[in-house]
């Protein structure tokens, strides 16, 4: 447990660093923008490392067998107690959402260019379209803690039949109108490859 807390603390420090930089976004020049983007990428690497090192906990989010029965207390308004599994999953999801929220804000403020943000769009869709994510997003009312720009993308992902439908809707929004030309190559993105590889390896166990 102590080891887990140290890792989570390191991730939170990375988030805090990015948040501090966001406060000066409007004054950023291209060099500063690159630095901010690199710090965001480093934060994502830390999160990936955490997922790999804590697979026994983090894999539940990606488990296709996850269903409401596994954590009914999340959706039970008469219960004030969450299971340990539920709390671990919520903590995992909020780490992802915090990172997604930062990436969206950085993009919408012009710090991350469309071509660099396109893989993040895929990552956001991949996570938020998972059934386990939807159960916890609505059951634990996580949306109350995030800004509208991120919530808008999440709502669209839940209303979309597939990634193509998602991108069609997203590219109609104010900040994403020029992004569509960067999205057809999302299959080549390292994150998507990692997720597919991770799922394949774990599903064969």
N, C-alpha and C. Protein backbone atom coordinates (compact mmCIF):
# COMPACT_ATOMS: atom_id res chain seq x y z
N UNK A 1 0.83 -1.21 0.00
CA UNK A 1 0.00 0.00 0.00
C UNK A 1 0.87 1.26 0.00
N UNK A 2 1.96 1.24 0.83
CA UNK A 2 2.86 2.38 0.88
C UNK A 2 3.48 2.63 -0.48
N UNK A 3 3.85 1.54 -1.19
CA UNK A 3 4.44 1.66 -2.52
C UNK A 3 3.45 2.30 -3.48
N UNK A 4 2.16 1.90 -3.39
CA UNK A 4 1.13 2.45 -4.26
C UNK A 4 0.96 3.94 -4.02
N UNK A 5 0.99 4.34 -2.72
CA UNK A 5 0.80 5.74 -2.40
C UNK A 5 1.94 6.59 -2.93
N UNK A 6 3.14 6.06 -2.89
CA UNK A 6 4.29 6.78 -3.43
C UNK A 6 4.14 7.00 -4.93
N UNK A 7 3.68 5.95 -5.64
CA UNK A 7 3.51 6.05 -7.09
C UNK A 7 2.40 7.05 -7.42
N UNK A 8 1.30 6.96 -6.68
CA UNK A 8 0.19 7.88 -6.93
C UNK A 8 0.62 9.31 -6.63
N UNK A 9 1.40 9.50 -5.57
CA UNK A 9 1.89 10.84 -5.22
C UNK A 9 2.76 11.40 -6.33
N UNK A 10 3.58 10.54 -6.93
CA UNK A 10 4.45 11.00 -8.02
C UNK A 10 3.62 11.45 -9.22
N UNK A 11 2.55 10.72 -9.50
CA UNK A 11 1.67 11.09 -10.61
C UNK A 11 0.99 12.42 -10.32
N UNK A 12 0.54 12.60 -9.06
CA UNK A 12 -0.14 13.84 -8.68
C UNK A 12 0.81 15.03 -8.77
N UNK A 13 2.09 14.81 -8.43
CA UNK A 13 3.08 15.87 -8.56
C UNK A 13 3.23 16.27 -10.02
N UNK A 14 3.23 15.27 -10.91
CA UNK A 14 3.30 15.56 -12.34
C UNK A 14 2.11 16.37 -12.80
N UNK A 15 0.90 16.00 -12.31
CA UNK A 15 -0.31 16.75 -12.64
C UNK A 15 -0.20 18.19 -12.14
N UNK A 16 0.28 18.34 -10.91
CA UNK A 16 0.38 19.68 -10.32
C UNK A 16 1.32 20.56 -11.12
N UNK A 17 2.39 19.98 -11.62
CA UNK A 17 3.35 20.73 -12.43
C UNK A 17 2.69 21.24 -13.70
N UNK A 18 1.91 20.36 -14.35
CA UNK A 18 1.22 20.77 -15.57
C UNK A 18 0.19 21.84 -15.27
N UNK A 19 -0.56 21.70 -14.17
CA UNK A 19 -1.57 22.69 -13.81
C UNK A 19 -0.93 24.06 -13.60
N UNK A 20 0.23 24.07 -12.94
CA UNK A 20 0.92 25.33 -12.70
C UNK A 20 1.30 25.99 -14.01
N UNK A 21 1.70 25.18 -14.99
CA UNK A 21 2.08 25.72 -16.29
C UNK A 21 0.87 26.23 -17.06
N UNK A 22 -0.28 25.57 -16.86
CA UNK A 22 -1.50 25.99 -17.56
C UNK A 22 -1.87 27.42 -17.20
N UNK A 23 -1.53 27.84 -15.99
CA UNK A 23 -1.90 29.17 -15.52
C UNK A 23 -1.21 30.28 -16.31
N UNK A 24 -0.16 29.93 -17.05
CA UNK A 24 0.55 30.94 -17.86
C UNK A 24 0.44 30.65 -19.35
N UNK A 25 -0.59 29.92 -19.74
CA UNK A 25 -0.72 29.50 -21.14
C UNK A 25 -0.77 30.67 -22.12
N UNK A 26 -1.54 31.70 -21.74
CA UNK A 26 -1.74 32.80 -22.68
C UNK A 26 -0.44 33.51 -23.02
N UNK A 27 0.58 33.40 -22.17
CA UNK A 27 1.85 34.08 -22.39
C UNK A 27 2.90 33.17 -23.01
N UNK A 28 2.51 31.96 -23.32
CA UNK A 28 3.50 30.98 -23.80
C UNK A 28 3.92 31.27 -25.23
N UNK A 29 5.21 31.17 -25.49
CA UNK A 29 5.70 31.18 -26.86
C UNK A 29 5.86 29.74 -27.31
N UNK A 30 6.37 29.53 -28.52
CA UNK A 30 6.44 28.18 -29.06
C UNK A 30 7.35 27.27 -28.23
N UNK A 31 8.44 27.82 -27.72
CA UNK A 31 9.34 27.01 -26.90
C UNK A 31 8.64 26.58 -25.62
N UNK A 32 7.93 27.51 -24.99
CA UNK A 32 7.21 27.19 -23.77
C UNK A 32 6.08 26.19 -24.04
N UNK A 33 5.44 26.34 -25.21
CA UNK A 33 4.38 25.41 -25.57
C UNK A 33 4.93 23.99 -25.69
N UNK A 34 6.09 23.87 -26.31
CA UNK A 34 6.72 22.56 -26.44
C UNK A 34 7.03 21.97 -25.07
N UNK A 35 7.52 22.81 -24.18
CA UNK A 35 7.85 22.35 -22.83
C UNK A 35 6.61 21.87 -22.10
N UNK A 36 5.52 22.62 -22.21
CA UNK A 36 4.27 22.23 -21.55
C UNK A 36 3.77 20.90 -22.11
N UNK A 37 3.81 20.77 -23.43
CA UNK A 37 3.34 19.54 -24.07
C UNK A 37 4.19 18.35 -23.65
N UNK A 38 5.50 18.55 -23.58
CA UNK A 38 6.38 17.46 -23.17
C UNK A 38 6.09 17.03 -21.73
N UNK A 39 5.81 17.98 -20.88
CA UNK A 39 5.49 17.65 -19.48
C UNK A 39 4.18 16.86 -19.41
N UNK A 40 3.24 17.21 -20.27
CA UNK A 40 1.99 16.45 -20.31
C UNK A 40 2.25 15.02 -20.77
N UNK A 41 3.11 14.86 -21.75
CA UNK A 41 3.44 13.53 -22.23
C UNK A 41 4.15 12.72 -21.14
N UNK A 42 5.02 13.38 -20.41
CA UNK A 42 5.71 12.69 -19.30
C UNK A 42 4.70 12.23 -18.25
N UNK A 43 3.69 13.05 -18.00
CA UNK A 43 2.65 12.67 -17.04
C UNK A 43 1.89 11.45 -17.54
N UNK A 44 1.66 11.38 -18.86
CA UNK A 44 0.96 10.22 -19.41
C UNK A 44 1.83 8.97 -19.31
N UNK A 45 3.14 9.14 -19.47
CA UNK A 45 4.07 8.01 -19.34
C UNK A 45 4.05 7.49 -17.90
N UNK A 46 4.01 8.40 -16.94
CA UNK A 46 3.93 7.99 -15.54
C UNK A 46 2.65 7.20 -15.27
N UNK A 47 1.56 7.63 -15.90
CA UNK A 47 0.30 6.93 -15.71
C UNK A 47 0.34 5.54 -16.35
N UNK A 48 0.94 5.44 -17.54
CA UNK A 48 1.10 4.14 -18.17
C UNK A 48 1.94 3.21 -17.30
N UNK A 49 3.00 3.77 -16.73
CA UNK A 49 3.88 2.97 -15.87
C UNK A 49 3.10 2.46 -14.66
N UNK A 50 2.26 3.32 -14.09
CA UNK A 50 1.44 2.92 -12.96
C UNK A 50 0.49 1.79 -13.35
N UNK A 51 -0.12 1.90 -14.54
CA UNK A 51 -1.03 0.86 -15.00
C UNK A 51 -0.32 -0.48 -15.17
N UNK A 52 0.88 -0.43 -15.70
CA UNK A 52 1.64 -1.66 -15.93
C UNK A 52 2.06 -2.29 -14.60
N UNK A 53 2.51 -1.45 -13.66
CA UNK A 53 3.01 -1.97 -12.40
C UNK A 53 1.89 -2.42 -11.46
N UNK A 54 0.68 -1.89 -11.69
CA UNK A 54 -0.45 -2.25 -10.85
C UNK A 54 -1.56 -2.92 -11.68
N UNK A 55 -1.15 -3.81 -12.56
CA UNK A 55 -2.10 -4.44 -13.49
C UNK A 55 -3.23 -5.15 -12.77
N UNK A 56 -2.94 -5.75 -11.61
CA UNK A 56 -3.99 -6.47 -10.89
C UNK A 56 -5.14 -5.55 -10.50
N UNK A 57 -4.87 -4.25 -10.35
CA UNK A 57 -5.91 -3.29 -10.01
C UNK A 57 -6.43 -2.54 -11.23
N UNK A 58 -5.51 -2.07 -12.07
CA UNK A 58 -5.92 -1.22 -13.19
C UNK A 58 -6.59 -1.99 -14.32
N UNK A 59 -6.31 -3.29 -14.43
CA UNK A 59 -6.87 -4.05 -15.55
C UNK A 59 -8.38 -4.17 -15.47
N UNK A 60 -8.95 -4.02 -14.27
CA UNK A 60 -10.41 -4.16 -14.14
C UNK A 60 -11.14 -3.17 -15.04
N UNK A 61 -10.54 -1.99 -15.26
CA UNK A 61 -11.18 -0.99 -16.12
C UNK A 61 -11.35 -1.51 -17.53
N UNK A 62 -10.39 -2.32 -18.00
CA UNK A 62 -10.39 -2.79 -19.38
C UNK A 62 -11.01 -4.18 -19.53
N UNK A 63 -11.42 -4.77 -18.43
CA UNK A 63 -11.94 -6.13 -18.45
C UNK A 63 -13.34 -6.16 -19.07
N UNK A 64 -13.51 -6.85 -20.22
CA UNK A 64 -14.82 -6.90 -20.87
C UNK A 64 -15.87 -7.62 -20.04
N UNK A 65 -15.44 -8.35 -19.01
CA UNK A 65 -16.38 -9.07 -18.16
C UNK A 65 -16.93 -8.20 -17.03
N UNK A 66 -16.40 -6.98 -16.91
CA UNK A 66 -16.88 -6.10 -15.84
C UNK A 66 -18.35 -5.80 -16.05
N UNK A 67 -19.12 -5.86 -14.97
CA UNK A 67 -20.55 -5.53 -15.07
C UNK A 67 -21.03 -4.90 -13.77
N UNK A 68 -22.26 -4.47 -13.77
CA UNK A 68 -22.80 -3.74 -12.63
C UNK A 68 -22.73 -4.57 -11.35
N UNK A 69 -22.91 -5.89 -11.47
CA UNK A 69 -22.95 -6.73 -10.28
C UNK A 69 -21.64 -6.70 -9.50
N UNK A 70 -20.52 -6.39 -10.19
CA UNK A 70 -19.22 -6.38 -9.51
C UNK A 70 -19.14 -5.29 -8.46
N UNK A 71 -19.83 -4.18 -8.67
CA UNK A 71 -19.77 -3.05 -7.74
C UNK A 71 -21.14 -2.39 -7.59
N UNK A 72 -22.10 -3.15 -7.14
CA UNK A 72 -23.46 -2.60 -7.04
C UNK A 72 -23.55 -1.47 -6.04
N UNK A 73 -22.62 -1.40 -5.09
CA UNK A 73 -22.70 -0.33 -4.10
C UNK A 73 -22.51 1.05 -4.72
N UNK A 74 -21.81 1.11 -5.86
CA UNK A 74 -21.62 2.40 -6.53
C UNK A 74 -22.97 2.97 -6.97
N UNK A 75 -23.83 2.09 -7.41
CA UNK A 75 -25.11 2.53 -7.97
C UNK A 75 -26.24 2.46 -6.95
N UNK A 76 -25.93 2.11 -5.72
CA UNK A 76 -26.95 1.96 -4.69
C UNK A 76 -27.03 3.24 -3.86
N UNK A 77 -28.07 4.07 -4.06
CA UNK A 77 -28.15 5.35 -3.36
C UNK A 77 -28.36 5.21 -1.85
N UNK A 78 -28.72 4.00 -1.38
CA UNK A 78 -28.95 3.82 0.05
C UNK A 78 -27.67 3.44 0.79
N UNK A 79 -26.58 3.21 0.06
CA UNK A 79 -25.33 2.79 0.68
C UNK A 79 -24.32 3.93 0.73
N UNK A 80 -23.66 4.07 1.87
CA UNK A 80 -22.62 5.09 2.02
C UNK A 80 -21.23 4.48 1.92
N UNK A 81 -21.17 3.20 1.59
CA UNK A 81 -19.90 2.49 1.59
C UNK A 81 -19.58 1.98 0.18
N UNK A 82 -18.38 2.23 -0.26
CA UNK A 82 -17.91 1.71 -1.54
C UNK A 82 -16.97 0.54 -1.28
N UNK A 83 -17.00 -0.43 -2.15
CA UNK A 83 -16.07 -1.55 -2.02
C UNK A 83 -14.65 -1.07 -2.32
N UNK A 84 -13.67 -1.82 -1.87
CA UNK A 84 -12.27 -1.47 -2.16
C UNK A 84 -12.03 -1.47 -3.66
N UNK A 85 -12.62 -2.45 -4.37
CA UNK A 85 -12.49 -2.51 -5.82
C UNK A 85 -13.02 -1.24 -6.45
N UNK A 86 -14.18 -0.80 -5.98
CA UNK A 86 -14.80 0.40 -6.54
C UNK A 86 -13.92 1.61 -6.33
N UNK A 87 -13.38 1.76 -5.11
CA UNK A 87 -12.53 2.91 -4.82
C UNK A 87 -11.27 2.90 -5.67
N UNK A 88 -10.67 1.73 -5.85
CA UNK A 88 -9.46 1.64 -6.66
C UNK A 88 -9.75 2.00 -8.11
N UNK A 89 -10.90 1.56 -8.62
CA UNK A 89 -11.26 1.89 -10.00
C UNK A 89 -11.56 3.37 -10.17
N UNK A 90 -12.25 3.94 -9.19
CA UNK A 90 -12.56 5.37 -9.25
C UNK A 90 -11.27 6.19 -9.22
N UNK A 91 -10.33 5.81 -8.34
CA UNK A 91 -9.05 6.52 -8.28
C UNK A 91 -8.30 6.41 -9.60
N UNK A 92 -8.34 5.24 -10.21
CA UNK A 92 -7.69 5.03 -11.50
C UNK A 92 -8.33 5.91 -12.57
N UNK A 93 -9.65 5.91 -12.63
CA UNK A 93 -10.36 6.69 -13.64
C UNK A 93 -10.13 8.19 -13.44
N UNK A 94 -10.12 8.65 -12.20
CA UNK A 94 -9.93 10.08 -11.98
C UNK A 94 -8.52 10.52 -12.39
N UNK A 95 -7.53 9.65 -12.24
CA UNK A 95 -6.19 9.97 -12.75
C UNK A 95 -6.24 10.17 -14.26
N UNK A 96 -6.94 9.27 -14.95
CA UNK A 96 -7.08 9.40 -16.40
C UNK A 96 -7.84 10.67 -16.76
N UNK A 97 -8.92 10.94 -16.06
CA UNK A 97 -9.74 12.11 -16.36
C UNK A 97 -8.99 13.41 -16.09
N UNK A 98 -8.19 13.44 -15.04
CA UNK A 98 -7.40 14.63 -14.76
C UNK A 98 -6.43 14.91 -15.91
N UNK A 99 -5.82 13.86 -16.41
CA UNK A 99 -4.88 14.01 -17.52
C UNK A 99 -5.63 14.43 -18.79
N UNK A 100 -6.78 13.81 -19.05
CA UNK A 100 -7.58 14.18 -20.21
C UNK A 100 -8.02 15.64 -20.12
N UNK A 101 -8.45 16.05 -18.93
CA UNK A 101 -8.89 17.43 -18.74
C UNK A 101 -7.80 18.42 -19.05
N UNK A 102 -6.57 18.11 -18.62
CA UNK A 102 -5.43 18.98 -18.91
C UNK A 102 -5.16 19.04 -20.40
N UNK A 103 -5.19 17.87 -21.06
CA UNK A 103 -4.89 17.84 -22.49
C UNK A 103 -5.92 18.63 -23.29
N UNK A 104 -7.18 18.51 -22.90
CA UNK A 104 -8.24 19.25 -23.59
C UNK A 104 -8.05 20.75 -23.40
N UNK A 105 -7.76 21.15 -22.18
CA UNK A 105 -7.57 22.58 -21.92
C UNK A 105 -6.36 23.12 -22.67
N UNK A 106 -5.28 22.35 -22.67
CA UNK A 106 -4.08 22.78 -23.39
C UNK A 106 -4.35 22.92 -24.88
N UNK A 107 -5.11 21.98 -25.43
CA UNK A 107 -5.44 22.07 -26.85
C UNK A 107 -6.34 23.26 -27.14
N UNK A 108 -7.38 23.42 -26.35
CA UNK A 108 -8.36 24.47 -26.62
C UNK A 108 -7.79 25.87 -26.40
N UNK A 109 -6.68 25.96 -25.66
CA UNK A 109 -6.01 27.25 -25.47
C UNK A 109 -4.89 27.45 -26.49
N UNK A 110 -4.74 26.49 -27.42
CA UNK A 110 -3.78 26.64 -28.50
C UNK A 110 -2.37 26.20 -28.16
N UNK A 111 -2.20 25.51 -27.03
CA UNK A 111 -0.86 25.06 -26.63
C UNK A 111 -0.49 23.76 -27.34
N UNK A 112 -1.45 22.85 -27.46
CA UNK A 112 -1.23 21.60 -28.19
C UNK A 112 -1.87 21.73 -29.57
N UNK A 113 -1.10 21.51 -30.61
CA UNK A 113 -1.60 21.61 -31.97
C UNK A 113 -2.50 20.40 -32.30
N UNK A 114 -3.36 20.57 -33.29
CA UNK A 114 -4.31 19.53 -33.67
C UNK A 114 -3.63 18.19 -33.94
N UNK A 115 -2.53 18.23 -34.68
CA UNK A 115 -1.87 16.98 -35.07
C UNK A 115 -1.33 16.22 -33.86
N UNK A 116 -0.96 16.95 -32.80
CA UNK A 116 -0.46 16.30 -31.60
C UNK A 116 -1.61 15.87 -30.68
N UNK A 117 -2.72 16.55 -30.79
CA UNK A 117 -3.86 16.23 -29.92
C UNK A 117 -4.70 15.08 -30.47
N UNK A 118 -4.58 14.79 -31.76
CA UNK A 118 -5.38 13.74 -32.38
C UNK A 118 -5.26 12.39 -31.65
N UNK A 119 -4.04 11.95 -31.27
CA UNK A 119 -3.95 10.68 -30.54
C UNK A 119 -4.66 10.73 -29.19
N UNK A 120 -4.69 11.91 -28.58
CA UNK A 120 -5.39 12.04 -27.30
C UNK A 120 -6.90 11.88 -27.49
N UNK A 121 -7.40 12.36 -28.63
CA UNK A 121 -8.83 12.17 -28.93
C UNK A 121 -9.17 10.70 -28.97
N UNK A 122 -8.30 9.93 -29.63
CA UNK A 122 -8.51 8.48 -29.68
C UNK A 122 -8.46 7.87 -28.28
N UNK A 123 -7.50 8.29 -27.49
CA UNK A 123 -7.34 7.75 -26.13
C UNK A 123 -8.56 8.08 -25.28
N UNK A 124 -9.02 9.33 -25.39
CA UNK A 124 -10.22 9.74 -24.64
C UNK A 124 -11.41 8.88 -25.04
N UNK A 125 -11.57 8.65 -26.34
CA UNK A 125 -12.70 7.82 -26.79
C UNK A 125 -12.54 6.39 -26.28
N UNK A 126 -11.35 5.84 -26.39
CA UNK A 126 -11.11 4.46 -25.99
C UNK A 126 -11.53 4.24 -24.55
N UNK A 127 -11.12 5.14 -23.66
CA UNK A 127 -11.41 4.98 -22.23
C UNK A 127 -12.88 5.26 -21.93
N UNK A 128 -13.39 6.37 -22.43
CA UNK A 128 -14.74 6.78 -22.04
C UNK A 128 -15.84 5.95 -22.68
N UNK A 129 -15.51 5.18 -23.72
CA UNK A 129 -16.52 4.32 -24.34
C UNK A 129 -16.59 2.94 -23.69
N UNK A 130 -15.67 2.66 -22.76
CA UNK A 130 -15.71 1.38 -22.05
C UNK A 130 -16.95 1.31 -21.16
N UNK A 131 -17.58 0.14 -21.13
CA UNK A 131 -18.78 -0.02 -20.30
C UNK A 131 -18.45 0.21 -18.83
N UNK A 132 -17.29 -0.25 -18.40
CA UNK A 132 -16.90 -0.06 -17.00
C UNK A 132 -16.77 1.42 -16.67
N UNK A 133 -16.24 2.20 -17.61
CA UNK A 133 -16.13 3.64 -17.39
C UNK A 133 -17.51 4.26 -17.25
N UNK A 134 -18.43 3.88 -18.12
CA UNK A 134 -19.78 4.45 -18.08
C UNK A 134 -20.47 4.16 -16.75
N UNK A 135 -20.29 2.92 -16.27
CA UNK A 135 -20.90 2.54 -14.99
C UNK A 135 -20.40 3.44 -13.86
N UNK A 136 -19.09 3.68 -13.83
CA UNK A 136 -18.53 4.48 -12.76
C UNK A 136 -18.75 5.98 -12.98
N UNK A 137 -18.72 6.41 -14.23
CA UNK A 137 -18.94 7.83 -14.55
C UNK A 137 -20.31 8.29 -14.06
N UNK A 138 -21.34 7.50 -14.34
CA UNK A 138 -22.69 7.87 -13.93
C UNK A 138 -22.99 7.43 -12.49
N UNK A 139 -22.54 6.23 -12.13
CA UNK A 139 -22.84 5.72 -10.80
C UNK A 139 -22.19 6.52 -9.70
N UNK A 140 -20.94 6.94 -9.91
CA UNK A 140 -20.22 7.72 -8.91
C UNK A 140 -20.31 9.22 -9.16
N UNK A 141 -21.07 9.61 -10.18
CA UNK A 141 -21.29 11.03 -10.52
C UNK A 141 -19.97 11.79 -10.66
N UNK A 142 -19.06 11.21 -11.42
CA UNK A 142 -17.74 11.81 -11.58
C UNK A 142 -17.77 13.11 -12.38
N UNK A 143 -18.78 13.26 -13.22
CA UNK A 143 -18.85 14.44 -14.08
C UNK A 143 -18.94 15.74 -13.32
N UNK A 144 -19.35 15.69 -12.06
CA UNK A 144 -19.48 16.92 -11.27
C UNK A 144 -18.14 17.60 -11.03
N UNK A 145 -17.06 16.87 -11.22
CA UNK A 145 -15.74 17.39 -10.87
C UNK A 145 -14.92 17.87 -12.08
N UNK A 146 -15.53 17.89 -13.27
CA UNK A 146 -14.75 18.21 -14.46
C UNK A 146 -15.42 19.32 -15.29
N UNK A 147 -14.59 20.00 -16.08
CA UNK A 147 -15.07 21.13 -16.86
C UNK A 147 -15.92 20.67 -18.05
N UNK A 148 -16.68 21.61 -18.56
CA UNK A 148 -17.64 21.30 -19.63
C UNK A 148 -16.97 20.81 -20.91
N UNK A 149 -15.79 21.34 -21.24
CA UNK A 149 -15.13 20.95 -22.48
C UNK A 149 -14.84 19.45 -22.50
N UNK A 150 -14.38 18.91 -21.38
CA UNK A 150 -14.12 17.47 -21.30
C UNK A 150 -15.42 16.69 -21.24
N UNK A 151 -16.36 17.16 -20.45
CA UNK A 151 -17.65 16.46 -20.33
C UNK A 151 -18.37 16.38 -21.67
N UNK A 152 -18.21 17.41 -22.49
CA UNK A 152 -18.84 17.41 -23.81
C UNK A 152 -18.30 16.27 -24.66
N UNK A 153 -16.98 16.05 -24.63
CA UNK A 153 -16.39 14.95 -25.39
C UNK A 153 -16.86 13.60 -24.86
N UNK A 154 -16.99 13.49 -23.55
CA UNK A 154 -17.42 12.23 -22.95
C UNK A 154 -18.86 11.92 -23.31
N UNK A 155 -19.72 12.91 -23.27
CA UNK A 155 -21.12 12.71 -23.64
C UNK A 155 -21.23 12.28 -25.10
N UNK A 156 -20.44 12.90 -25.97
CA UNK A 156 -20.45 12.53 -27.39
C UNK A 156 -19.99 11.09 -27.55
N UNK A 157 -18.96 10.68 -26.80
CA UNK A 157 -18.48 9.30 -26.92
C UNK A 157 -19.57 8.31 -26.51
N UNK A 158 -20.36 8.65 -25.52
CA UNK A 158 -21.44 7.77 -25.05
C UNK A 158 -22.61 7.73 -26.03
N UNK A 159 -22.75 8.78 -26.81
CA UNK A 159 -23.84 8.84 -27.79
C UNK A 159 -23.43 8.33 -29.17
N UNK A 160 -22.15 7.96 -29.32
CA UNK A 160 -21.64 7.55 -30.63
C UNK A 160 -21.57 6.03 -30.75
N UNK A 161 -21.94 5.53 -31.90
CA UNK A 161 -21.94 4.07 -32.12
C UNK A 161 -20.52 3.53 -32.29
N UNK A 162 -19.60 4.36 -32.78
CA UNK A 162 -18.22 3.92 -32.99
C UNK A 162 -17.32 5.15 -33.07
N UNK A 163 -16.03 4.90 -33.28
CA UNK A 163 -15.07 6.01 -33.29
C UNK A 163 -15.31 6.96 -34.45
N UNK A 164 -15.70 6.44 -35.60
CA UNK A 164 -15.96 7.31 -36.76
C UNK A 164 -17.10 8.28 -36.46
N UNK A 165 -18.16 7.76 -35.85
CA UNK A 165 -19.30 8.63 -35.49
C UNK A 165 -18.87 9.65 -34.45
N UNK A 166 -18.01 9.23 -33.53
CA UNK A 166 -17.50 10.13 -32.50
C UNK A 166 -16.72 11.28 -33.12
N UNK A 167 -15.80 10.96 -34.03
CA UNK A 167 -14.98 12.00 -34.64
C UNK A 167 -15.81 12.94 -35.51
N UNK A 168 -16.83 12.40 -36.17
CA UNK A 168 -17.70 13.25 -36.99
C UNK A 168 -18.35 14.32 -36.13
N UNK A 169 -18.83 13.91 -34.95
CA UNK A 169 -19.50 14.86 -34.05
C UNK A 169 -18.50 15.82 -33.41
N UNK A 170 -17.35 15.30 -33.01
CA UNK A 170 -16.34 16.14 -32.36
C UNK A 170 -15.83 17.21 -33.31
N UNK A 171 -15.63 16.85 -34.58
CA UNK A 171 -15.07 17.80 -35.55
C UNK A 171 -16.05 18.90 -35.94
N UNK A 172 -17.26 18.83 -35.43
CA UNK A 172 -18.23 19.91 -35.63
C UNK A 172 -18.13 20.96 -34.53
N UNK A 173 -17.40 20.63 -33.46
CA UNK A 173 -17.26 21.55 -32.35
C UNK A 173 -16.23 22.64 -32.66
N UNK A 174 -16.33 23.73 -31.95
CA UNK A 174 -15.53 24.93 -32.19
C UNK A 174 -14.03 24.66 -32.27
N UNK A 175 -13.49 23.90 -31.32
CA UNK A 175 -12.04 23.76 -31.22
C UNK A 175 -11.47 22.62 -32.06
N UNK A 176 -12.33 21.87 -32.75
CA UNK A 176 -11.85 20.66 -33.42
C UNK A 176 -12.16 20.62 -34.92
N UNK A 177 -12.57 21.74 -35.49
CA UNK A 177 -13.03 21.76 -36.87
C UNK A 177 -11.94 21.40 -37.88
N UNK A 178 -10.67 21.65 -37.54
CA UNK A 178 -9.57 21.38 -38.47
C UNK A 178 -8.82 20.10 -38.12
N UNK A 179 -9.34 19.32 -37.21
CA UNK A 179 -8.61 18.16 -36.72
C UNK A 179 -8.86 16.90 -37.53
N UNK A 180 -9.92 16.85 -38.28
CA UNK A 180 -10.33 15.61 -38.93
C UNK A 180 -9.23 15.00 -39.81
N UNK A 181 -8.45 15.84 -40.46
CA UNK A 181 -7.43 15.31 -41.37
C UNK A 181 -6.33 14.56 -40.64
N UNK A 182 -6.24 14.76 -39.32
CA UNK A 182 -5.21 14.07 -38.54
C UNK A 182 -5.71 12.78 -37.90
N UNK A 183 -7.00 12.53 -37.99
CA UNK A 183 -7.57 11.39 -37.28
C UNK A 183 -7.56 10.07 -38.03
N UNK A 184 -7.58 10.01 -39.37
CA UNK A 184 -7.61 8.71 -40.04
C UNK A 184 -6.45 7.79 -39.69
N UNK A 185 -5.33 8.35 -39.25
CA UNK A 185 -4.16 7.52 -38.95
C UNK A 185 -4.07 7.13 -37.48
N UNK A 186 -5.18 7.24 -36.76
CA UNK A 186 -5.12 6.98 -35.33
C UNK A 186 -4.70 5.56 -35.01
N UNK A 187 -4.94 4.60 -35.91
CA UNK A 187 -4.58 3.22 -35.64
C UNK A 187 -3.07 3.06 -35.47
N UNK A 188 -2.31 4.00 -36.04
CA UNK A 188 -0.86 3.92 -35.94
C UNK A 188 -0.33 4.51 -34.63
N UNK A 189 -1.23 5.11 -33.86
CA UNK A 189 -0.79 5.76 -32.63
C UNK A 189 -0.32 4.75 -31.60
N UNK A 190 0.75 5.11 -30.90
CA UNK A 190 1.33 4.20 -29.93
C UNK A 190 0.39 3.80 -28.81
N UNK A 191 -0.46 4.73 -28.39
CA UNK A 191 -1.38 4.40 -27.29
C UNK A 191 -2.35 3.33 -27.72
N UNK A 192 -2.92 3.49 -28.92
CA UNK A 192 -3.88 2.50 -29.38
C UNK A 192 -3.21 1.14 -29.53
N UNK A 193 -1.98 1.12 -30.03
CA UNK A 193 -1.25 -0.14 -30.17
C UNK A 193 -1.03 -0.77 -28.80
N UNK A 194 -0.66 0.05 -27.82
CA UNK A 194 -0.42 -0.46 -26.48
C UNK A 194 -1.69 -1.08 -25.91
N UNK A 195 -2.82 -0.39 -26.08
CA UNK A 195 -4.06 -0.91 -25.54
C UNK A 195 -4.44 -2.23 -26.21
N UNK A 196 -4.29 -2.29 -27.53
CA UNK A 196 -4.64 -3.53 -28.23
C UNK A 196 -3.72 -4.66 -27.80
N UNK A 197 -2.44 -4.34 -27.67
CA UNK A 197 -1.46 -5.35 -27.27
C UNK A 197 -1.73 -5.80 -25.84
N UNK A 198 -2.03 -4.84 -24.97
CA UNK A 198 -2.29 -5.16 -23.57
C UNK A 198 -3.53 -6.04 -23.44
N UNK A 199 -4.57 -5.68 -24.19
CA UNK A 199 -5.80 -6.46 -24.13
C UNK A 199 -5.56 -7.87 -24.65
N UNK A 200 -4.81 -8.01 -25.72
CA UNK A 200 -4.55 -9.31 -26.30
C UNK A 200 -3.78 -10.19 -25.32
N UNK A 201 -2.78 -9.61 -24.69
CA UNK A 201 -1.95 -10.38 -23.76
C UNK A 201 -2.75 -10.83 -22.55
N UNK A 202 -3.56 -9.91 -22.00
CA UNK A 202 -4.30 -10.24 -20.81
C UNK A 202 -5.49 -11.14 -21.07
N UNK A 203 -6.11 -10.99 -22.24
CA UNK A 203 -7.30 -11.77 -22.54
C UNK A 203 -6.94 -13.22 -22.82
N UNK A 204 -5.66 -13.49 -23.08
CA UNK A 204 -5.24 -14.85 -23.37
C UNK A 204 -4.84 -15.62 -22.11
N UNK A 205 -4.84 -14.93 -20.98
CA UNK A 205 -4.43 -15.59 -19.74
C UNK A 205 -5.51 -16.59 -19.31
